[in-house]
N, C-alpha and C. Protein backbone atom coordinates (compact mmCIF):
# COMPACT_ATOMS: atom_id res chain seq x y z
N MET A 1 83.90 83.42 43.91
CA MET A 1 85.10 83.96 44.50
C MET A 1 84.76 85.14 45.43
N ILE A 2 83.87 86.03 44.98
CA ILE A 2 83.47 87.18 45.79
C ILE A 2 82.75 86.70 47.04
N CYS A 3 81.91 85.71 46.91
CA CYS A 3 81.18 85.15 48.05
C CYS A 3 82.15 84.58 49.08
N LEU A 4 83.17 83.89 48.63
CA LEU A 4 84.19 83.33 49.53
C LEU A 4 84.94 84.44 50.25
N THR A 5 85.30 85.50 49.53
CA THR A 5 86.01 86.62 50.13
C THR A 5 85.16 87.31 51.19
N ILE A 6 83.89 87.51 50.91
CA ILE A 6 82.98 88.15 51.88
C ILE A 6 82.82 87.26 53.10
N THR A 7 82.66 85.96 52.91
CA THR A 7 82.53 85.02 54.02
C THR A 7 83.78 85.03 54.89
N LEU A 8 84.95 84.99 54.29
CA LEU A 8 86.20 85.03 55.05
C LEU A 8 86.34 86.36 55.80
N ALA A 9 85.91 87.45 55.20
CA ALA A 9 85.97 88.75 55.86
C ALA A 9 85.09 88.75 57.11
N PHE A 10 83.88 88.20 57.02
CA PHE A 10 82.99 88.12 58.18
C PHE A 10 83.59 87.23 59.27
N ILE A 11 84.18 86.13 58.90
CA ILE A 11 84.81 85.24 59.87
C ILE A 11 85.96 85.96 60.56
N LEU A 12 86.79 86.67 59.81
CA LEU A 12 87.92 87.40 60.39
C LEU A 12 87.43 88.49 61.35
N VAL A 13 86.41 89.23 60.97
CA VAL A 13 85.85 90.27 61.86
C VAL A 13 85.31 89.63 63.13
N GLY A 14 84.65 88.49 63.02
CA GLY A 14 84.13 87.79 64.20
C GLY A 14 85.24 87.34 65.12
N ILE A 15 86.30 86.78 64.58
CA ILE A 15 87.42 86.30 65.39
C ILE A 15 88.10 87.48 66.09
N VAL A 16 88.36 88.56 65.37
CA VAL A 16 89.01 89.74 65.97
C VAL A 16 88.13 90.31 67.08
N GLY A 17 86.83 90.39 66.83
CA GLY A 17 85.92 90.90 67.86
C GLY A 17 85.89 90.01 69.09
N TYR A 18 85.86 88.71 68.88
CA TYR A 18 85.85 87.75 69.98
C TYR A 18 87.12 87.88 70.83
N VAL A 19 88.28 87.94 70.19
CA VAL A 19 89.55 88.06 70.89
C VAL A 19 89.60 89.38 71.66
N ALA A 20 89.19 90.46 71.04
CA ALA A 20 89.21 91.76 71.70
C ALA A 20 88.31 91.77 72.93
N LEU A 21 87.14 91.18 72.83
CA LEU A 21 86.22 91.11 73.96
C LEU A 21 86.81 90.29 75.10
N ASN A 22 87.39 89.13 74.79
CA ASN A 22 87.99 88.28 75.82
C ASN A 22 89.17 88.95 76.49
N VAL A 23 90.02 89.63 75.74
CA VAL A 23 91.18 90.31 76.32
C VAL A 23 90.73 91.42 77.24
N SER A 24 89.77 92.24 76.80
CA SER A 24 89.32 93.35 77.64
C SER A 24 88.60 92.85 78.88
N THR A 25 87.80 91.77 78.76
CA THR A 25 87.11 91.20 79.91
C THR A 25 88.11 90.60 80.88
N GLY A 26 89.10 89.86 80.39
CA GLY A 26 90.12 89.28 81.26
C GLY A 26 90.91 90.35 82.00
N ARG A 27 91.25 91.44 81.29
CA ARG A 27 91.99 92.54 81.92
C ARG A 27 91.14 93.18 83.01
N ALA A 28 89.85 93.37 82.76
CA ALA A 28 88.97 93.96 83.75
C ALA A 28 88.84 93.06 84.97
N LEU A 29 88.73 91.75 84.76
CA LEU A 29 88.65 90.84 85.89
C LEU A 29 89.93 90.83 86.69
N ASP A 30 91.10 90.85 86.01
CA ASP A 30 92.38 90.89 86.72
C ASP A 30 92.49 92.14 87.57
N GLU A 31 92.02 93.27 87.06
CA GLU A 31 92.07 94.51 87.82
C GLU A 31 91.20 94.43 89.06
N ASN A 32 90.14 93.62 89.02
CA ASN A 32 89.24 93.49 90.16
C ASN A 32 89.84 92.68 91.30
N ILE A 33 90.82 91.81 91.03
CA ILE A 33 91.31 90.94 92.11
C ILE A 33 92.77 91.17 92.45
N THR A 34 93.44 92.15 91.83
CA THR A 34 94.83 92.41 92.14
C THR A 34 95.02 93.85 92.54
N GLY A 35 96.11 94.12 93.25
CA GLY A 35 96.47 95.49 93.62
C GLY A 35 95.82 95.92 94.91
N ASP A 36 96.45 96.90 95.59
CA ASP A 36 95.95 97.38 96.87
C ASP A 36 94.66 98.17 96.73
N SER A 37 94.44 98.81 95.61
CA SER A 37 93.23 99.61 95.44
C SER A 37 92.05 98.76 95.02
N ALA A 38 92.25 97.47 94.86
CA ALA A 38 91.17 96.59 94.39
C ALA A 38 90.01 96.56 95.36
N GLY A 39 90.25 96.67 96.66
CA GLY A 39 89.19 96.60 97.65
C GLY A 39 88.14 97.66 97.43
N ALA A 40 88.55 98.93 97.27
CA ALA A 40 87.61 100.01 97.05
C ALA A 40 86.90 99.84 95.72
N SER A 41 87.64 99.47 94.70
CA SER A 41 87.08 99.26 93.38
C SER A 41 86.06 98.12 93.40
N GLN A 42 86.40 97.03 94.09
CA GLN A 42 85.50 95.88 94.17
C GLN A 42 84.22 96.26 94.90
N SER A 43 84.35 96.98 96.02
CA SER A 43 83.18 97.34 96.79
C SER A 43 82.22 98.18 95.96
N HIS A 44 82.79 99.17 95.26
CA HIS A 44 81.97 100.04 94.43
C HIS A 44 81.31 99.24 93.31
N ARG A 45 82.09 98.39 92.65
CA ARG A 45 81.57 97.59 91.55
C ARG A 45 80.54 96.58 92.08
N ALA A 46 80.80 96.00 93.26
CA ALA A 46 79.88 95.01 93.82
C ALA A 46 78.53 95.64 94.13
N GLU A 47 78.53 96.95 94.54
CA GLU A 47 77.26 97.62 94.78
C GLU A 47 76.47 97.73 93.49
N LYS A 48 77.17 97.99 92.37
CA LYS A 48 76.51 98.12 91.08
C LYS A 48 76.16 96.76 90.50
N ASP A 49 77.07 95.80 90.60
CA ASP A 49 76.89 94.47 90.01
C ASP A 49 77.05 93.43 91.11
N ARG A 50 75.93 92.90 91.59
CA ARG A 50 75.98 91.99 92.73
C ARG A 50 76.72 90.70 92.43
N SER A 51 76.98 90.40 91.14
CA SER A 51 77.70 89.18 90.82
C SER A 51 79.17 89.45 90.47
N ALA A 52 79.67 90.68 90.70
CA ALA A 52 81.08 91.00 90.48
C ALA A 52 81.92 90.26 91.53
N PRO A 53 83.23 90.06 91.26
CA PRO A 53 84.08 89.39 92.25
C PRO A 53 84.05 90.11 93.60
N HIS A 54 83.88 89.35 94.67
CA HIS A 54 83.88 89.86 96.03
C HIS A 54 85.07 89.27 96.76
N LYS A 55 85.81 90.08 97.48
CA LYS A 55 86.83 89.56 98.38
C LYS A 55 86.06 89.06 99.60
N VAL A 56 86.22 87.78 99.94
CA VAL A 56 85.45 87.18 101.04
C VAL A 56 86.40 86.55 102.05
N LYS A 57 85.92 86.41 103.28
CA LYS A 57 86.69 85.75 104.34
C LYS A 57 86.02 84.43 104.67
N ALA A 58 86.83 83.37 104.69
CA ALA A 58 86.30 82.05 105.02
C ALA A 58 85.56 82.12 106.35
N GLY A 59 84.38 81.55 106.38
CA GLY A 59 83.58 81.51 107.59
C GLY A 59 82.56 82.63 107.69
N ARG A 60 82.77 83.73 106.98
CA ARG A 60 81.85 84.87 107.07
C ARG A 60 80.81 84.82 105.96
N ALA A 61 79.58 85.10 106.31
CA ALA A 61 78.49 85.09 105.34
C ALA A 61 78.71 86.19 104.30
N PHE A 62 78.27 85.94 103.08
CA PHE A 62 78.29 86.95 102.02
C PHE A 62 77.19 86.64 101.03
N SER A 63 76.75 87.68 100.33
CA SER A 63 75.69 87.53 99.34
C SER A 63 76.21 87.85 97.96
N ILE A 64 75.79 87.06 97.00
CA ILE A 64 76.08 87.31 95.59
C ILE A 64 74.80 87.04 94.83
N GLY A 65 74.34 88.06 94.11
CA GLY A 65 73.10 87.90 93.36
C GLY A 65 71.95 87.57 94.29
N ARG A 66 71.23 86.52 93.98
CA ARG A 66 70.06 86.13 94.77
C ARG A 66 70.38 85.08 95.83
N HIS A 67 71.67 84.89 96.14
CA HIS A 67 72.05 83.83 97.06
C HIS A 67 72.99 84.34 98.14
N LYS A 68 72.83 83.79 99.32
CA LYS A 68 73.69 84.13 100.46
C LYS A 68 74.42 82.86 100.88
N THR A 69 75.75 82.93 100.88
CA THR A 69 76.55 81.83 101.44
C THR A 69 76.58 82.08 102.94
N LEU A 70 76.08 81.14 103.71
CA LEU A 70 75.90 81.32 105.15
C LEU A 70 77.22 81.23 105.90
N SER A 71 77.26 81.86 107.07
CA SER A 71 78.48 81.83 107.88
C SER A 71 78.83 80.38 108.22
N GLY A 72 80.12 80.14 108.38
CA GLY A 72 80.60 78.79 108.68
C GLY A 72 81.19 78.06 107.48
N TRP A 73 81.14 78.67 106.29
CA TRP A 73 81.72 78.00 105.12
C TRP A 73 83.23 77.95 105.28
N LYS A 74 83.87 76.98 104.63
CA LYS A 74 85.31 76.76 104.81
C LYS A 74 86.02 76.46 103.50
N VAL A 75 87.28 76.89 103.42
CA VAL A 75 88.18 76.43 102.37
C VAL A 75 88.91 75.25 103.00
N LYS A 76 88.83 74.09 102.36
CA LYS A 76 89.38 72.88 102.96
C LYS A 76 90.32 72.17 102.00
N ARG A 77 91.10 71.29 102.58
CA ARG A 77 91.98 70.38 101.83
C ARG A 77 91.17 69.16 101.46
N ASP A 78 91.13 68.83 100.18
CA ASP A 78 90.33 67.70 99.69
C ASP A 78 91.26 66.69 99.03
N ILE A 79 91.22 65.44 99.50
CA ILE A 79 92.09 64.40 98.93
C ILE A 79 91.28 63.32 98.19
N SER A 80 90.00 63.60 97.94
CA SER A 80 89.12 62.59 97.33
C SER A 80 89.51 62.24 95.89
N LEU A 81 90.19 63.13 95.19
CA LEU A 81 90.58 62.87 93.80
C LEU A 81 92.05 62.46 93.69
N GLY A 82 92.67 62.14 94.82
CA GLY A 82 94.10 61.85 94.81
C GLY A 82 94.86 63.16 94.85
N GLY A 83 95.87 63.25 95.68
CA GLY A 83 96.55 64.53 95.86
C GLY A 83 95.69 65.43 96.72
N ALA A 84 96.24 66.57 97.08
CA ALA A 84 95.50 67.52 97.93
C ALA A 84 95.07 68.71 97.08
N HIS A 85 93.76 68.96 97.06
CA HIS A 85 93.20 70.06 96.27
C HIS A 85 92.43 71.01 97.18
N PHE A 86 92.23 72.25 96.69
CA PHE A 86 91.37 73.19 97.39
C PHE A 86 89.92 72.77 97.18
N ASN A 87 89.10 72.91 98.23
CA ASN A 87 87.68 72.69 98.11
C ASN A 87 86.97 73.65 99.05
N VAL A 88 85.69 73.82 98.85
CA VAL A 88 84.88 74.69 99.69
C VAL A 88 83.70 73.87 100.20
N THR A 89 83.39 74.03 101.49
CA THR A 89 82.20 73.42 102.06
C THR A 89 81.38 74.52 102.70
N GLY A 90 80.08 74.37 102.68
CA GLY A 90 79.20 75.37 103.29
C GLY A 90 77.79 75.23 102.78
N ARG A 91 76.97 76.19 103.20
CA ARG A 91 75.55 76.18 102.83
C ARG A 91 75.20 77.49 102.16
N VAL A 92 74.24 77.42 101.24
CA VAL A 92 73.79 78.59 100.50
C VAL A 92 72.27 78.71 100.64
N LYS A 93 71.80 79.96 100.68
CA LYS A 93 70.37 80.23 100.83
C LYS A 93 69.89 81.14 99.70
N ASN A 94 68.72 80.83 99.16
CA ASN A 94 68.10 81.69 98.15
C ASN A 94 67.45 82.86 98.87
N ILE A 95 67.97 84.08 98.65
CA ILE A 95 67.41 85.27 99.29
C ILE A 95 66.57 86.09 98.29
N GLY A 96 66.36 85.52 97.10
CA GLY A 96 65.56 86.19 96.08
C GLY A 96 64.09 85.87 96.21
N ASP A 97 63.32 86.39 95.26
CA ASP A 97 61.87 86.19 95.26
C ASP A 97 61.42 85.05 94.36
N ASP A 98 62.34 84.49 93.58
CA ASP A 98 62.01 83.41 92.65
C ASP A 98 62.90 82.20 92.89
N THR A 99 62.48 81.04 92.42
CA THR A 99 63.31 79.84 92.48
C THR A 99 64.54 80.06 91.61
N SER A 100 65.70 79.73 92.13
CA SER A 100 66.94 79.90 91.35
C SER A 100 68.02 78.95 91.86
N THR A 101 69.03 78.77 91.03
CA THR A 101 70.17 77.91 91.32
C THR A 101 71.39 78.77 91.57
N ALA A 102 72.13 78.48 92.63
CA ALA A 102 73.36 79.22 92.92
C ALA A 102 74.50 78.62 92.10
N PHE A 103 75.31 79.49 91.48
CA PHE A 103 76.54 79.10 90.81
C PHE A 103 77.61 80.06 91.32
N ILE A 104 78.55 79.56 92.12
CA ILE A 104 79.57 80.42 92.73
C ILE A 104 80.95 79.91 92.35
N HIS A 105 81.79 80.83 91.92
CA HIS A 105 83.16 80.54 91.51
C HIS A 105 84.10 81.16 92.53
N PHE A 106 84.82 80.32 93.29
CA PHE A 106 85.78 80.80 94.28
C PHE A 106 87.19 80.76 93.67
N LYS A 107 87.98 81.80 93.94
CA LYS A 107 89.40 81.80 93.56
C LYS A 107 90.20 81.91 94.84
N VAL A 108 91.21 81.03 94.97
CA VAL A 108 92.10 81.03 96.13
C VAL A 108 93.42 81.62 95.66
N ILE A 109 93.87 82.70 96.31
CA ILE A 109 94.98 83.51 95.81
C ILE A 109 96.07 83.62 96.85
N ASP A 110 97.35 83.53 96.40
CA ASP A 110 98.47 83.66 97.34
C ASP A 110 98.86 85.13 97.50
N SER A 111 99.88 85.40 98.31
CA SER A 111 100.27 86.77 98.62
C SER A 111 100.83 87.53 97.43
N SER A 112 101.29 86.83 96.39
CA SER A 112 101.81 87.51 95.21
C SER A 112 100.71 87.79 94.18
N GLY A 113 99.48 87.34 94.45
CA GLY A 113 98.37 87.56 93.53
C GLY A 113 98.12 86.39 92.59
N GLU A 114 98.93 85.34 92.71
CA GLU A 114 98.75 84.17 91.84
C GLU A 114 97.56 83.34 92.31
N VAL A 115 96.74 82.91 91.36
CA VAL A 115 95.60 82.06 91.66
C VAL A 115 96.13 80.64 91.86
N LEU A 116 95.98 80.13 93.08
CA LEU A 116 96.45 78.78 93.41
C LEU A 116 95.42 77.71 93.05
N GLY A 117 94.16 78.09 93.11
CA GLY A 117 93.12 77.14 92.81
C GLY A 117 91.79 77.83 92.61
N THR A 118 90.89 77.14 91.97
CA THR A 118 89.53 77.63 91.80
C THR A 118 88.59 76.51 92.21
N VAL A 119 87.46 76.88 92.74
CA VAL A 119 86.47 75.89 93.15
C VAL A 119 85.12 76.34 92.60
N GLN A 120 84.49 75.48 91.82
CA GLN A 120 83.18 75.76 91.24
C GLN A 120 82.12 75.11 92.13
N CYS A 121 81.18 75.92 92.62
CA CYS A 121 80.12 75.41 93.48
C CYS A 121 78.76 75.73 92.90
N ASN A 122 77.79 74.90 93.24
CA ASN A 122 76.42 75.15 92.81
C ASN A 122 75.46 74.53 93.81
N SER A 123 74.19 74.83 93.60
CA SER A 123 73.11 74.23 94.38
C SER A 123 72.09 73.67 93.42
N ALA A 124 71.09 73.00 93.95
CA ALA A 124 69.93 72.60 93.16
C ALA A 124 69.05 73.84 93.01
N ASP A 125 67.93 73.72 92.32
CA ASP A 125 66.96 74.83 92.28
C ASP A 125 66.46 75.05 93.71
N LEU A 126 66.62 76.28 94.18
CA LEU A 126 66.17 76.61 95.54
C LEU A 126 64.98 77.55 95.47
N LYS A 127 63.94 77.22 96.21
CA LYS A 127 62.79 78.12 96.32
C LYS A 127 63.19 79.28 97.22
N PRO A 128 62.49 80.42 97.16
CA PRO A 128 62.82 81.54 98.03
C PRO A 128 62.89 81.11 99.50
N GLY A 129 63.99 81.46 100.17
CA GLY A 129 64.17 81.11 101.58
C GLY A 129 64.76 79.74 101.82
N GLN A 130 64.85 78.91 100.79
CA GLN A 130 65.36 77.54 100.94
C GLN A 130 66.88 77.54 101.03
N THR A 131 67.43 76.62 101.84
CA THR A 131 68.86 76.50 102.09
C THR A 131 69.31 75.09 101.71
N GLN A 132 70.56 74.99 101.21
CA GLN A 132 71.13 73.69 100.83
C GLN A 132 72.64 73.75 100.95
N ALA A 133 73.26 72.58 101.17
CA ALA A 133 74.72 72.49 101.15
C ALA A 133 75.22 72.75 99.74
N LEU A 134 76.36 73.43 99.63
CA LEU A 134 76.97 73.66 98.32
C LEU A 134 77.51 72.36 97.76
N ASN A 135 77.40 72.18 96.47
CA ASN A 135 78.00 71.06 95.75
C ASN A 135 79.20 71.65 95.01
N CYS A 136 80.43 71.27 95.40
CA CYS A 136 81.62 71.92 94.86
C CYS A 136 82.57 70.93 94.19
N ILE A 137 83.27 71.43 93.17
CA ILE A 137 84.27 70.65 92.45
C ILE A 137 85.64 71.22 92.81
N PRO A 138 86.51 70.42 93.48
CA PRO A 138 87.81 70.91 93.92
C PRO A 138 88.80 71.05 92.77
N ASP A 139 89.75 71.99 92.93
CA ASP A 139 90.78 72.19 91.91
C ASP A 139 91.94 72.97 92.53
N GLY A 140 93.11 72.79 91.98
CA GLY A 140 94.30 73.51 92.43
C GLY A 140 94.96 72.80 93.59
N GLU A 141 96.28 72.70 93.54
CA GLU A 141 97.03 72.02 94.59
C GLU A 141 96.94 72.81 95.89
N TYR A 142 96.46 72.15 96.95
CA TYR A 142 96.23 72.81 98.23
C TYR A 142 97.53 73.34 98.81
N GLY A 143 97.49 74.52 99.36
CA GLY A 143 98.65 75.13 100.00
C GLY A 143 98.24 76.40 100.72
N GLU A 144 99.24 77.12 101.22
CA GLU A 144 99.00 78.35 101.95
C GLU A 144 98.45 79.42 101.00
N TYR A 145 97.41 80.11 101.44
CA TYR A 145 96.82 81.16 100.62
C TYR A 145 96.59 82.41 101.45
N LYS A 146 96.43 83.54 100.77
CA LYS A 146 96.24 84.81 101.47
C LYS A 146 94.80 85.28 101.44
N ARG A 147 94.13 85.14 100.30
CA ARG A 147 92.77 85.64 100.19
C ARG A 147 91.93 84.77 99.26
N VAL A 148 90.62 84.99 99.35
CA VAL A 148 89.66 84.26 98.52
C VAL A 148 88.70 85.26 97.92
N THR A 149 88.37 85.08 96.64
CA THR A 149 87.31 85.88 96.04
C THR A 149 86.19 84.93 95.62
N ALA A 150 85.00 85.48 95.52
CA ALA A 150 83.84 84.70 95.09
C ALA A 150 83.05 85.55 94.11
N GLU A 151 82.52 84.92 93.10
CA GLU A 151 81.69 85.62 92.12
C GLU A 151 80.66 84.66 91.57
N ALA A 152 79.60 85.22 91.02
CA ALA A 152 78.58 84.38 90.40
C ALA A 152 79.19 83.78 89.13
N ALA A 153 79.04 82.50 88.97
CA ALA A 153 79.53 81.82 87.78
C ALA A 153 78.38 81.70 86.80
N SER A 154 78.72 81.68 85.52
CA SER A 154 77.65 81.56 84.53
C SER A 154 77.53 80.14 84.04
């Protein structure tokens, strides 16, 4: 009986800790992509953490971690899965010193701050200096959007 009580106590502590961590992380991420002061906060955080959410402009090059998404990338309407979804096309380059794979998570956001769609992109293993087209999975019903953020996905 005592063993069962101790086991249940450990499980309860683990669940509470997990929920608390997810809530605080979600709140921190929401603060990074909403509000007028988010730009300054994002820039400062991005300098410290290269994989933090970046406000990006379609077509303009940007770097996250060891990868640079090259200029000319686009947010596009994709109908390959039936219906119209958000998708991203473009090329990524390994700007690091080691072979690595790019994992980029794009969020497409409307003027009220609502996330309309997300697009998960990746590359193959890229050697230093190597470039490849992004491989992306479309999501979210395509429509008018105001801004896009990009961050390293895990």
